[in-house]
Amino acid sequence: TRRAGTAASTDLSIAWLLPFMHPRTLEAGETLFKKGDEAAEMFYVAQGRLKLVEHHIELGEGSLVGEIAMFSQARRRTRTVMAATDAKLMSIGESELMQLYYQNPHFGFYLIQLVTHRLVANMERLEAAVAEREAEGVSSPQASLLVAPAKAGPMPPTARSRRERPRGGEMGPRFRGDASLG
């Protein structure tokens, strides 16, 4: 963990995270995950290109994918991702990611920035699409998404009373303190 703490405190690039990740390859046309799948890992594109199927957007080398679902309440993938070319990926599982997140405030802040950046970019893309349709005189069902109030979900584990928390030092099924980075 000292290695992660030192590197993350001086560099918010993803390079310091690579030693904690595991290689994975995809052939062109192979699906990495589908919209609605349960999220269990996050990926870094080391070589090749991935395609966000629903948006017809390609992500190249140096991109991260799958990070939003790792922190969403539903824990489900928000898009289908497939390999546009043969691709070499690096993955980090949920337990390793969460351990680094909780042990290293700099890494946690980096992830918050990354997820926020993606959400803002998605919102800007949606707003541009709505504006384009409105300019064409086409009514868009997505327009209602821009003004719909957010629904309040359950309190995060840190905001619950002690009586509601799981016993035995466990923070729940997804956040065990006994995961190793090895």
N, C-alpha and C. Protein backbone atom coordinates (compact mmCIF):
# COMPACT_ATOMS: atom_id res chain seq x y z
N THR A 1 0.83 -1.19 0.00
CA THR A 1 0.00 0.00 0.00
C THR A 1 0.87 1.25 0.00
N ARG A 2 2.08 1.15 0.58
CA ARG A 2 2.98 2.30 0.57
C ARG A 2 3.27 2.71 -0.87
N ARG A 3 3.45 1.72 -1.74
CA ARG A 3 3.73 1.97 -3.16
C ARG A 3 2.59 2.78 -3.78
N ALA A 4 1.35 2.40 -3.49
CA ALA A 4 0.19 3.10 -4.05
C ALA A 4 0.07 4.49 -3.46
N GLY A 5 0.30 4.61 -2.15
CA GLY A 5 0.18 5.91 -1.51
C GLY A 5 1.19 6.91 -2.03
N THR A 6 2.43 6.49 -2.17
CA THR A 6 3.47 7.37 -2.68
C THR A 6 3.20 7.79 -4.11
N ALA A 7 2.88 6.84 -4.94
CA ALA A 7 2.65 7.16 -6.35
C ALA A 7 1.43 8.03 -6.54
N ALA A 8 0.35 7.73 -5.85
CA ALA A 8 -0.89 8.48 -6.04
C ALA A 8 -0.76 9.89 -5.50
N SER A 9 0.07 10.10 -4.48
CA SER A 9 0.18 11.44 -3.91
C SER A 9 0.94 12.38 -4.83
N THR A 10 1.70 11.84 -5.79
CA THR A 10 2.48 12.69 -6.67
C THR A 10 1.98 12.67 -8.12
N ASP A 11 1.11 11.72 -8.46
CA ASP A 11 0.72 11.58 -9.85
C ASP A 11 -0.71 11.04 -9.92
N LEU A 12 -1.61 11.84 -10.50
CA LEU A 12 -2.98 11.38 -10.61
C LEU A 12 -3.25 10.70 -11.94
N SER A 13 -2.21 10.29 -12.64
CA SER A 13 -2.42 9.48 -13.83
C SER A 13 -2.73 8.06 -13.38
N ILE A 14 -3.17 7.24 -14.30
CA ILE A 14 -3.54 5.87 -13.97
C ILE A 14 -2.33 4.95 -13.92
N ALA A 15 -1.17 5.40 -14.36
CA ALA A 15 0.02 4.54 -14.46
C ALA A 15 0.37 3.85 -13.15
N TRP A 16 0.25 4.51 -12.03
CA TRP A 16 0.61 3.90 -10.75
C TRP A 16 -0.33 2.76 -10.37
N LEU A 17 -1.54 2.72 -10.96
CA LEU A 17 -2.51 1.67 -10.65
C LEU A 17 -2.21 0.36 -11.39
N LEU A 18 -1.48 0.44 -12.50
CA LEU A 18 -1.23 -0.74 -13.34
C LEU A 18 -0.62 -1.93 -12.60
N PRO A 19 0.29 -1.75 -11.64
CA PRO A 19 0.83 -2.92 -10.94
C PRO A 19 -0.23 -3.71 -10.15
N PHE A 20 -1.37 -3.10 -9.87
CA PHE A 20 -2.42 -3.76 -9.12
C PHE A 20 -3.45 -4.41 -10.04
N MET A 21 -3.24 -4.29 -11.36
CA MET A 21 -4.20 -4.77 -12.33
C MET A 21 -3.74 -6.08 -12.97
N HIS A 22 -4.69 -6.75 -13.66
CA HIS A 22 -4.43 -8.05 -14.27
C HIS A 22 -4.72 -7.97 -15.77
N PRO A 23 -3.89 -8.60 -16.61
CA PRO A 23 -4.08 -8.52 -18.07
C PRO A 23 -5.30 -9.31 -18.54
N ARG A 24 -5.89 -8.80 -19.60
CA ARG A 24 -7.01 -9.48 -20.26
C ARG A 24 -6.99 -9.08 -21.73
N THR A 25 -7.29 -10.02 -22.61
CA THR A 25 -7.33 -9.70 -24.04
C THR A 25 -8.73 -9.92 -24.60
N LEU A 26 -9.03 -9.15 -25.63
CA LEU A 26 -10.29 -9.29 -26.37
C LEU A 26 -9.96 -9.30 -27.85
N GLU A 27 -10.69 -10.11 -28.59
CA GLU A 27 -10.56 -10.09 -30.04
C GLU A 27 -11.56 -9.08 -30.60
N ALA A 28 -11.26 -8.52 -31.76
CA ALA A 28 -12.17 -7.56 -32.40
C ALA A 28 -13.57 -8.16 -32.50
N GLY A 29 -14.57 -7.38 -32.08
CA GLY A 29 -15.95 -7.84 -32.12
C GLY A 29 -16.42 -8.54 -30.86
N GLU A 30 -15.50 -8.90 -29.97
CA GLU A 30 -15.87 -9.59 -28.73
C GLU A 30 -16.45 -8.58 -27.74
N THR A 31 -17.50 -8.99 -27.03
CA THR A 31 -18.14 -8.11 -26.05
C THR A 31 -17.43 -8.21 -24.71
N LEU A 32 -17.08 -7.06 -24.15
CA LEU A 32 -16.47 -7.01 -22.83
C LEU A 32 -17.55 -7.16 -21.76
N PHE A 33 -18.61 -6.36 -21.87
CA PHE A 33 -19.78 -6.50 -21.01
C PHE A 33 -20.97 -5.86 -21.69
N LYS A 34 -22.17 -6.25 -21.24
CA LYS A 34 -23.41 -5.74 -21.81
C LYS A 34 -24.12 -4.84 -20.82
N LYS A 35 -24.88 -3.91 -21.35
CA LYS A 35 -25.69 -3.02 -20.52
C LYS A 35 -26.55 -3.90 -19.62
N GLY A 36 -26.54 -3.59 -18.33
CA GLY A 36 -27.32 -4.34 -17.36
C GLY A 36 -26.55 -5.43 -16.63
N ASP A 37 -25.37 -5.81 -17.15
CA ASP A 37 -24.55 -6.82 -16.47
C ASP A 37 -24.11 -6.29 -15.11
N GLU A 38 -23.89 -7.21 -14.18
CA GLU A 38 -23.37 -6.82 -12.87
C GLU A 38 -21.91 -6.39 -13.02
N ALA A 39 -21.55 -5.33 -12.32
CA ALA A 39 -20.18 -4.80 -12.39
C ALA A 39 -19.30 -5.48 -11.36
N ALA A 40 -18.19 -6.05 -11.80
CA ALA A 40 -17.27 -6.71 -10.88
C ALA A 40 -15.84 -6.21 -11.05
N GLU A 41 -15.57 -5.45 -12.12
CA GLU A 41 -14.22 -4.94 -12.34
C GLU A 41 -14.24 -3.71 -13.25
N MET A 42 -13.14 -3.00 -13.22
CA MET A 42 -12.93 -1.81 -14.03
C MET A 42 -11.76 -2.11 -14.97
N PHE A 43 -11.73 -1.49 -16.14
CA PHE A 43 -10.73 -1.83 -17.16
C PHE A 43 -9.96 -0.60 -17.64
N TYR A 44 -8.71 -0.84 -17.98
CA TYR A 44 -7.82 0.15 -18.59
C TYR A 44 -7.44 -0.39 -19.96
N VAL A 45 -7.56 0.44 -21.00
CA VAL A 45 -7.22 0.02 -22.36
C VAL A 45 -5.72 0.25 -22.55
N ALA A 46 -4.96 -0.84 -22.56
CA ALA A 46 -3.50 -0.76 -22.75
C ALA A 46 -3.14 -0.71 -24.23
N GLN A 47 -3.94 -1.39 -25.05
CA GLN A 47 -3.68 -1.44 -26.49
C GLN A 47 -5.00 -1.74 -27.20
N GLY A 48 -5.21 -1.11 -28.34
CA GLY A 48 -6.42 -1.35 -29.12
C GLY A 48 -7.51 -0.33 -28.85
N ARG A 49 -8.73 -0.65 -29.29
CA ARG A 49 -9.86 0.27 -29.15
C ARG A 49 -11.10 -0.49 -28.73
N LEU A 50 -11.88 0.13 -27.84
CA LEU A 50 -13.16 -0.40 -27.42
C LEU A 50 -14.26 0.52 -27.94
N LYS A 51 -15.46 -0.03 -28.12
CA LYS A 51 -16.58 0.75 -28.62
C LYS A 51 -17.72 0.73 -27.62
N LEU A 52 -18.23 1.93 -27.27
CA LEU A 52 -19.45 2.05 -26.49
C LEU A 52 -20.58 1.91 -27.50
N VAL A 53 -21.21 0.75 -27.54
CA VAL A 53 -22.13 0.39 -28.61
C VAL A 53 -23.28 1.37 -28.75
N GLU A 54 -23.94 1.72 -27.64
CA GLU A 54 -25.12 2.60 -27.73
C GLU A 54 -24.80 4.01 -28.21
N HIS A 55 -23.58 4.47 -27.98
CA HIS A 55 -23.21 5.84 -28.36
C HIS A 55 -22.34 5.91 -29.61
N HIS A 56 -21.92 4.77 -30.13
CA HIS A 56 -21.03 4.73 -31.29
C HIS A 56 -19.77 5.56 -31.03
N ILE A 57 -19.25 5.41 -29.83
CA ILE A 57 -18.03 6.12 -29.42
C ILE A 57 -16.94 5.08 -29.20
N GLU A 58 -15.73 5.40 -29.67
CA GLU A 58 -14.60 4.50 -29.45
C GLU A 58 -13.67 5.09 -28.40
N LEU A 59 -13.15 4.20 -27.57
CA LEU A 59 -12.18 4.57 -26.55
C LEU A 59 -10.86 3.91 -26.90
N GLY A 60 -9.79 4.70 -26.87
CA GLY A 60 -8.48 4.18 -27.25
C GLY A 60 -7.57 3.93 -26.07
N GLU A 61 -6.32 3.70 -26.40
CA GLU A 61 -5.30 3.41 -25.40
C GLU A 61 -5.27 4.51 -24.34
N GLY A 62 -5.15 4.07 -23.09
CA GLY A 62 -5.10 5.00 -21.97
C GLY A 62 -6.46 5.30 -21.36
N SER A 63 -7.53 4.77 -21.95
CA SER A 63 -8.88 5.03 -21.44
C SER A 63 -9.24 4.03 -20.34
N LEU A 64 -10.07 4.50 -19.42
CA LEU A 64 -10.67 3.64 -18.42
C LEU A 64 -12.12 3.41 -18.80
N VAL A 65 -12.62 2.23 -18.52
CA VAL A 65 -14.02 1.92 -18.80
C VAL A 65 -14.55 1.02 -17.69
N GLY A 66 -15.80 1.25 -17.32
CA GLY A 66 -16.44 0.43 -16.31
C GLY A 66 -16.41 1.03 -14.92
N GLU A 67 -15.86 2.21 -14.77
CA GLU A 67 -15.72 2.80 -13.44
C GLU A 67 -17.04 3.29 -12.87
N ILE A 68 -17.96 3.76 -13.69
CA ILE A 68 -19.21 4.31 -13.15
C ILE A 68 -20.03 3.22 -12.47
N ALA A 69 -20.16 2.07 -13.10
CA ALA A 69 -20.96 0.99 -12.52
C ALA A 69 -20.37 0.49 -11.20
N MET A 70 -19.07 0.60 -11.04
CA MET A 70 -18.43 0.13 -9.81
C MET A 70 -18.91 0.92 -8.59
N PHE A 71 -19.38 2.14 -8.82
CA PHE A 71 -19.79 2.99 -7.70
C PHE A 71 -21.28 3.33 -7.72
N SER A 72 -22.00 2.82 -8.69
CA SER A 72 -23.43 3.11 -8.74
C SER A 72 -24.18 2.22 -7.76
N GLN A 73 -25.32 2.71 -7.32
CA GLN A 73 -26.12 1.96 -6.37
C GLN A 73 -26.58 0.62 -6.96
N ALA A 74 -26.95 0.62 -8.23
CA ALA A 74 -27.45 -0.59 -8.87
C ALA A 74 -26.35 -1.61 -9.17
N ARG A 75 -25.10 -1.15 -9.24
CA ARG A 75 -23.96 -2.01 -9.54
C ARG A 75 -24.11 -2.72 -10.89
N ARG A 76 -24.73 -2.05 -11.84
CA ARG A 76 -24.98 -2.61 -13.17
C ARG A 76 -24.29 -1.74 -14.22
N ARG A 77 -23.89 -2.39 -15.31
CA ARG A 77 -23.26 -1.69 -16.42
C ARG A 77 -24.28 -0.78 -17.10
N THR A 78 -23.85 0.43 -17.44
CA THR A 78 -24.74 1.41 -18.06
C THR A 78 -24.69 1.37 -19.59
N ARG A 79 -23.70 0.70 -20.16
CA ARG A 79 -23.55 0.60 -21.61
C ARG A 79 -22.97 -0.76 -21.97
N THR A 80 -23.15 -1.13 -23.23
CA THR A 80 -22.50 -2.32 -23.77
C THR A 80 -21.17 -1.88 -24.36
N VAL A 81 -20.12 -2.62 -24.05
CA VAL A 81 -18.78 -2.30 -24.55
C VAL A 81 -18.23 -3.53 -25.26
N MET A 82 -17.73 -3.30 -26.48
CA MET A 82 -17.12 -4.39 -27.24
C MET A 82 -15.79 -3.92 -27.82
N ALA A 83 -14.98 -4.86 -28.24
CA ALA A 83 -13.68 -4.54 -28.82
C ALA A 83 -13.88 -4.11 -30.27
N ALA A 84 -13.47 -2.89 -30.60
CA ALA A 84 -13.51 -2.41 -31.98
C ALA A 84 -12.34 -3.02 -32.76
N THR A 85 -11.25 -3.29 -32.05
CA THR A 85 -10.06 -3.94 -32.62
C THR A 85 -9.61 -4.99 -31.60
N ASP A 86 -8.64 -5.80 -31.95
CA ASP A 86 -8.04 -6.64 -30.92
C ASP A 86 -7.54 -5.70 -29.83
N ALA A 87 -7.75 -6.10 -28.58
CA ALA A 87 -7.41 -5.18 -27.49
C ALA A 87 -6.74 -5.93 -26.34
N LYS A 88 -5.79 -5.24 -25.73
CA LYS A 88 -5.16 -5.71 -24.50
C LYS A 88 -5.61 -4.76 -23.41
N LEU A 89 -6.25 -5.34 -22.39
CA LEU A 89 -6.78 -4.57 -21.28
C LEU A 89 -6.07 -4.93 -20.00
N MET A 90 -6.20 -4.07 -19.02
CA MET A 90 -5.78 -4.35 -17.66
C MET A 90 -7.03 -4.18 -16.82
N SER A 91 -7.28 -5.13 -15.92
CA SER A 91 -8.49 -5.04 -15.10
C SER A 91 -8.13 -5.03 -13.62
N ILE A 92 -9.00 -4.42 -12.85
CA ILE A 92 -8.87 -4.46 -11.40
C ILE A 92 -10.24 -4.84 -10.85
N GLY A 93 -10.23 -5.84 -9.98
CA GLY A 93 -11.46 -6.34 -9.40
C GLY A 93 -11.99 -5.41 -8.33
N GLU A 94 -13.22 -5.64 -7.99
CA GLU A 94 -13.92 -4.80 -7.03
C GLU A 94 -13.24 -4.75 -5.67
N SER A 95 -12.83 -5.89 -5.15
CA SER A 95 -12.23 -5.88 -3.81
C SER A 95 -10.92 -5.11 -3.77
N GLU A 96 -10.07 -5.29 -4.80
CA GLU A 96 -8.80 -4.54 -4.86
C GLU A 96 -9.07 -3.05 -5.03
N LEU A 97 -10.01 -2.71 -5.90
CA LEU A 97 -10.34 -1.31 -6.14
C LEU A 97 -10.86 -0.65 -4.87
N MET A 98 -11.75 -1.32 -4.17
CA MET A 98 -12.31 -0.74 -2.95
C MET A 98 -11.27 -0.62 -1.85
N GLN A 99 -10.38 -1.60 -1.76
CA GLN A 99 -9.33 -1.51 -0.76
C GLN A 99 -8.44 -0.30 -1.02
N LEU A 100 -8.03 -0.12 -2.28
CA LEU A 100 -7.22 1.05 -2.62
C LEU A 100 -7.99 2.34 -2.38
N TYR A 101 -9.26 2.32 -2.72
CA TYR A 101 -10.11 3.51 -2.55
C TYR A 101 -10.15 3.94 -1.09
N TYR A 102 -10.37 2.99 -0.18
CA TYR A 102 -10.48 3.32 1.24
C TYR A 102 -9.13 3.58 1.90
N GLN A 103 -8.07 2.96 1.42
CA GLN A 103 -6.76 3.12 2.04
C GLN A 103 -6.02 4.36 1.55
N ASN A 104 -6.41 4.88 0.40
CA ASN A 104 -5.65 5.96 -0.19
C ASN A 104 -6.56 7.11 -0.60
N PRO A 105 -6.61 8.16 0.19
CA PRO A 105 -7.50 9.29 -0.13
C PRO A 105 -7.21 9.93 -1.49
N HIS A 106 -5.96 9.94 -1.91
CA HIS A 106 -5.62 10.52 -3.22
C HIS A 106 -6.24 9.71 -4.35
N PHE A 107 -6.17 8.40 -4.23
CA PHE A 107 -6.77 7.54 -5.24
C PHE A 107 -8.29 7.70 -5.23
N GLY A 108 -8.88 7.75 -4.04
CA GLY A 108 -10.32 7.96 -3.93
C GLY A 108 -10.74 9.26 -4.59
N PHE A 109 -9.98 10.32 -4.37
CA PHE A 109 -10.28 11.61 -4.98
C PHE A 109 -10.13 11.52 -6.51
N TYR A 110 -9.10 10.82 -6.98
CA TYR A 110 -8.92 10.63 -8.42
C TYR A 110 -10.14 9.94 -9.03
N LEU A 111 -10.64 8.89 -8.37
CA LEU A 111 -11.81 8.18 -8.89
C LEU A 111 -13.05 9.08 -8.90
N ILE A 112 -13.21 9.87 -7.85
CA ILE A 112 -14.35 10.80 -7.82
C ILE A 112 -14.26 11.77 -8.99
N GLN A 113 -13.07 12.30 -9.25
CA GLN A 113 -12.89 13.21 -10.38
C GLN A 113 -13.20 12.50 -11.70
N LEU A 114 -12.73 11.29 -11.86
CA LEU A 114 -12.94 10.54 -13.10
C LEU A 114 -14.43 10.27 -13.33
N VAL A 115 -15.12 9.77 -12.32
CA VAL A 115 -16.54 9.47 -12.46
C VAL A 115 -17.32 10.76 -12.74
N THR A 116 -17.00 11.83 -12.03
CA THR A 116 -17.68 13.10 -12.25
C THR A 116 -17.45 13.60 -13.67
N HIS A 117 -16.23 13.50 -14.16
CA HIS A 117 -15.91 13.91 -15.53
C HIS A 117 -16.76 13.13 -16.53
N ARG A 118 -16.86 11.81 -16.34
CA ARG A 118 -17.65 10.99 -17.26
C ARG A 118 -19.13 11.36 -17.20
N LEU A 119 -19.65 11.58 -15.99
CA LEU A 119 -21.06 11.93 -15.87
C LEU A 119 -21.36 13.28 -16.50
N VAL A 120 -20.47 14.25 -16.31
CA VAL A 120 -20.65 15.56 -16.93
C VAL A 120 -20.57 15.44 -18.45
N ALA A 121 -19.63 14.67 -18.96
CA ALA A 121 -19.51 14.47 -20.41
C ALA A 121 -20.77 13.80 -20.96
N ASN A 122 -21.31 12.82 -20.25
CA ASN A 122 -22.55 12.17 -20.68
C ASN A 122 -23.71 13.16 -20.71
N MET A 123 -23.79 14.02 -19.69
CA MET A 123 -24.85 15.02 -19.64
C MET A 123 -24.70 16.02 -20.78
N GLU A 124 -23.49 16.46 -21.06
CA GLU A 124 -23.27 17.39 -22.17
C GLU A 124 -23.65 16.76 -23.50
N ARG A 125 -23.33 15.48 -23.68
CA ARG A 125 -23.68 14.76 -24.90
C ARG A 125 -25.22 14.68 -25.04
N LEU A 126 -25.90 14.41 -23.94
CA LEU A 126 -27.34 14.32 -23.95
C LEU A 126 -27.97 15.68 -24.25
N GLU A 127 -27.46 16.74 -23.61
CA GLU A 127 -27.98 18.07 -23.86
C GLU A 127 -27.78 18.48 -25.31
N ALA A 128 -26.63 18.15 -25.88
CA ALA A 128 -26.37 18.49 -27.29
C ALA A 128 -27.33 17.74 -28.20
N ALA A 129 -27.59 16.47 -27.90
CA ALA A 129 -28.52 15.69 -28.72
C ALA A 129 -29.94 16.24 -28.63
N VAL A 130 -30.35 16.65 -27.44
CA VAL A 130 -31.69 17.23 -27.26
C VAL A 130 -31.78 18.55 -28.01
N ALA A 131 -30.75 19.40 -27.90
CA ALA A 131 -30.76 20.68 -28.59
C ALA A 131 -30.81 20.49 -30.10
N GLU A 132 -30.08 19.50 -30.60
CA GLU A 132 -30.08 19.21 -32.04
C GLU A 132 -31.47 18.77 -32.50
N ARG A 133 -32.11 17.91 -31.73
CA ARG A 133 -33.45 17.45 -32.10
C ARG A 133 -34.47 18.59 -32.03
N GLU A 134 -34.33 19.42 -31.01
CA GLU A 134 -35.25 20.55 -30.89
C GLU A 134 -35.07 21.52 -32.05
N ALA A 135 -33.82 21.72 -32.47
CA ALA A 135 -33.54 22.60 -33.61
C ALA A 135 -34.15 22.05 -34.89
N GLU A 136 -34.24 20.72 -34.97
CA GLU A 136 -34.86 20.07 -36.12
C GLU A 136 -36.37 20.00 -35.99
N GLY A 137 -36.90 20.46 -34.83
CA GLY A 137 -38.34 20.44 -34.62
C GLY A 137 -38.87 19.09 -34.19
N VAL A 138 -37.98 18.22 -33.71
CA VAL A 138 -38.39 16.88 -33.27
C VAL A 138 -38.47 16.89 -31.74
N SER A 139 -39.60 16.45 -31.19
CA SER A 139 -39.75 16.34 -29.76
C SER A 139 -38.91 15.17 -29.28
N SER A 140 -38.24 15.36 -28.17
CA SER A 140 -37.34 14.33 -27.67
C SER A 140 -37.76 13.85 -26.29
N PRO A 141 -37.93 12.54 -26.10
CA PRO A 141 -38.25 12.04 -24.76
C PRO A 141 -37.10 12.27 -23.79
N GLN A 142 -35.86 12.42 -24.29
CA GLN A 142 -34.72 12.66 -23.40
C GLN A 142 -34.80 14.03 -22.75
N ALA A 143 -35.55 14.97 -23.34
CA ALA A 143 -35.64 16.30 -22.77
C ALA A 143 -36.17 16.26 -21.35
N SER A 144 -37.08 15.36 -21.06
CA SER A 144 -37.63 15.25 -19.71
C SER A 144 -36.57 14.79 -18.72
N LEU A 145 -35.55 14.09 -19.19
CA LEU A 145 -34.47 13.65 -18.31
C LEU A 145 -33.65 14.81 -17.79
N LEU A 146 -33.59 15.89 -18.55
CA LEU A 146 -32.76 17.02 -18.16
C LEU A 146 -33.36 17.80 -17.00
N VAL A 147 -34.67 17.71 -16.79
CA VAL A 147 -35.30 18.47 -15.73
C VAL A 147 -35.92 17.59 -14.65
N ALA A 148 -35.88 16.29 -14.82
CA ALA A 148 -36.46 15.39 -13.82
C ALA A 148 -35.63 15.42 -12.55
N PRO A 149 -36.29 15.57 -11.39
CA PRO A 149 -35.53 15.59 -10.13
C PRO A 149 -34.94 14.22 -9.84
N ALA A 150 -33.80 14.23 -9.20
CA ALA A 150 -33.16 12.98 -8.82
C ALA A 150 -33.93 12.35 -7.67
N LYS A 151 -34.04 11.04 -7.70
CA LYS A 151 -34.71 10.33 -6.61
C LYS A 151 -33.69 10.04 -5.52
N ALA A 152 -34.11 10.26 -4.31
CA ALA A 152 -33.23 9.98 -3.18
C ALA A 152 -33.18 8.48 -2.94
N GLY A 153 -31.99 7.94 -2.83
CA GLY A 153 -31.81 6.53 -2.56
C GLY A 153 -31.56 6.31 -1.08
N PRO A 154 -31.28 5.09 -0.70
CA PRO A 154 -30.99 4.81 0.71
C PRO A 154 -29.68 5.46 1.12
N MET A 155 -29.54 5.69 2.41
CA MET A 155 -28.33 6.31 2.92
C MET A 155 -27.13 5.41 2.68
N PRO A 156 -25.97 6.00 2.39
CA PRO A 156 -24.77 5.19 2.24
C PRO A 156 -24.42 4.56 3.59
N PRO A 157 -23.63 3.48 3.57
CA PRO A 157 -23.30 2.78 4.82
C PRO A 157 -22.71 3.69 5.88
N THR A 158 -21.93 4.71 5.50
CA THR A 158 -21.30 5.57 6.48
C THR A 158 -22.29 6.49 7.17
N ALA A 159 -23.48 6.68 6.60
CA ALA A 159 -24.47 7.56 7.20
C ALA A 159 -25.48 6.79 8.04
N ARG A 160 -25.45 5.48 8.03
CA ARG A 160 -26.39 4.69 8.81
C ARG A 160 -26.00 4.69 10.28
N SER A 161 -26.98 4.42 11.10
CA SER A 161 -26.69 4.31 12.52
C SER A 161 -25.91 3.02 12.76
N ARG A 162 -25.23 2.92 13.89
CA ARG A 162 -24.46 1.74 14.22
C ARG A 162 -25.32 0.48 14.26
N ARG A 163 -26.55 0.62 14.72
CA ARG A 163 -27.44 -0.53 14.82
C ARG A 163 -27.75 -1.15 13.47
N GLU A 164 -27.71 -0.37 12.39
CA GLU A 164 -28.05 -0.88 11.07
C GLU A 164 -26.86 -1.50 10.34
N ARG A 165 -25.65 -1.26 10.82
CA ARG A 165 -24.47 -1.78 10.14
C ARG A 165 -24.29 -3.26 10.41
N PRO A 166 -23.73 -4.00 9.45
CA PRO A 166 -23.44 -5.42 9.67
C PRO A 166 -22.47 -5.59 10.83
N ARG A 167 -22.55 -6.67 11.52
CA ARG A 167 -21.69 -6.95 12.67
C ARG A 167 -20.42 -7.67 12.23
N GLY A 168 -19.51 -7.81 13.18
CA GLY A 168 -18.30 -8.61 12.95
C GLY A 168 -17.23 -7.89 12.14
N GLY A 169 -17.25 -6.55 12.11
CA GLY A 169 -16.23 -5.80 11.40
C GLY A 169 -16.42 -5.78 9.89
N GLU A 170 -17.45 -6.41 9.40
CA GLU A 170 -17.68 -6.48 7.97
C GLU A 170 -18.52 -5.28 7.55
N MET A 171 -18.17 -4.66 6.45
CA MET A 171 -18.91 -3.52 5.95
C MET A 171 -19.95 -3.93 4.94
N GLY A 172 -20.18 -5.18 4.77
CA GLY A 172 -21.17 -5.65 3.80
C GLY A 172 -20.52 -6.61 2.83
N PRO A 173 -21.30 -7.23 1.95
CA PRO A 173 -20.77 -8.26 1.07
C PRO A 173 -19.77 -7.74 0.04
N ARG A 174 -19.80 -6.47 -0.30
CA ARG A 174 -18.91 -5.97 -1.34
C ARG A 174 -17.67 -5.28 -0.77
N PHE A 175 -17.65 -5.00 0.53
CA PHE A 175 -16.57 -4.23 1.11
C PHE A 175 -15.94 -4.97 2.28
N ARG A 176 -15.18 -5.98 2.02
CA ARG A 176 -14.52 -6.74 3.07
C ARG A 176 -13.11 -6.19 3.26
N GLY A 177 -12.72 -6.02 4.50
CA GLY A 177 -11.40 -5.50 4.79
C GLY A 177 -10.31 -6.54 4.65
N ASP A 178 -10.65 -7.80 4.37
CA ASP A 178 -9.64 -8.85 4.33
C ASP A 178 -9.12 -9.13 2.92
N ALA A 179 -9.50 -8.31 1.95
CA ALA A 179 -9.03 -8.54 0.57
C ALA A 179 -7.55 -8.19 0.48
N SER A 180 -6.82 -8.94 -0.29
CA SER A 180 -5.40 -8.65 -0.44
C SER A 180 -5.15 -8.08 -1.82
N LEU A 181 -4.07 -7.35 -1.93
CA LEU A 181 -3.69 -6.76 -3.22
C LEU A 181 -2.79 -7.69 -3.99
N GLY A 182 -2.33 -8.77 -3.36
CA GLY A 182 -1.37 -9.70 -3.91
C GLY A 182 -1.71 -10.22 -5.23
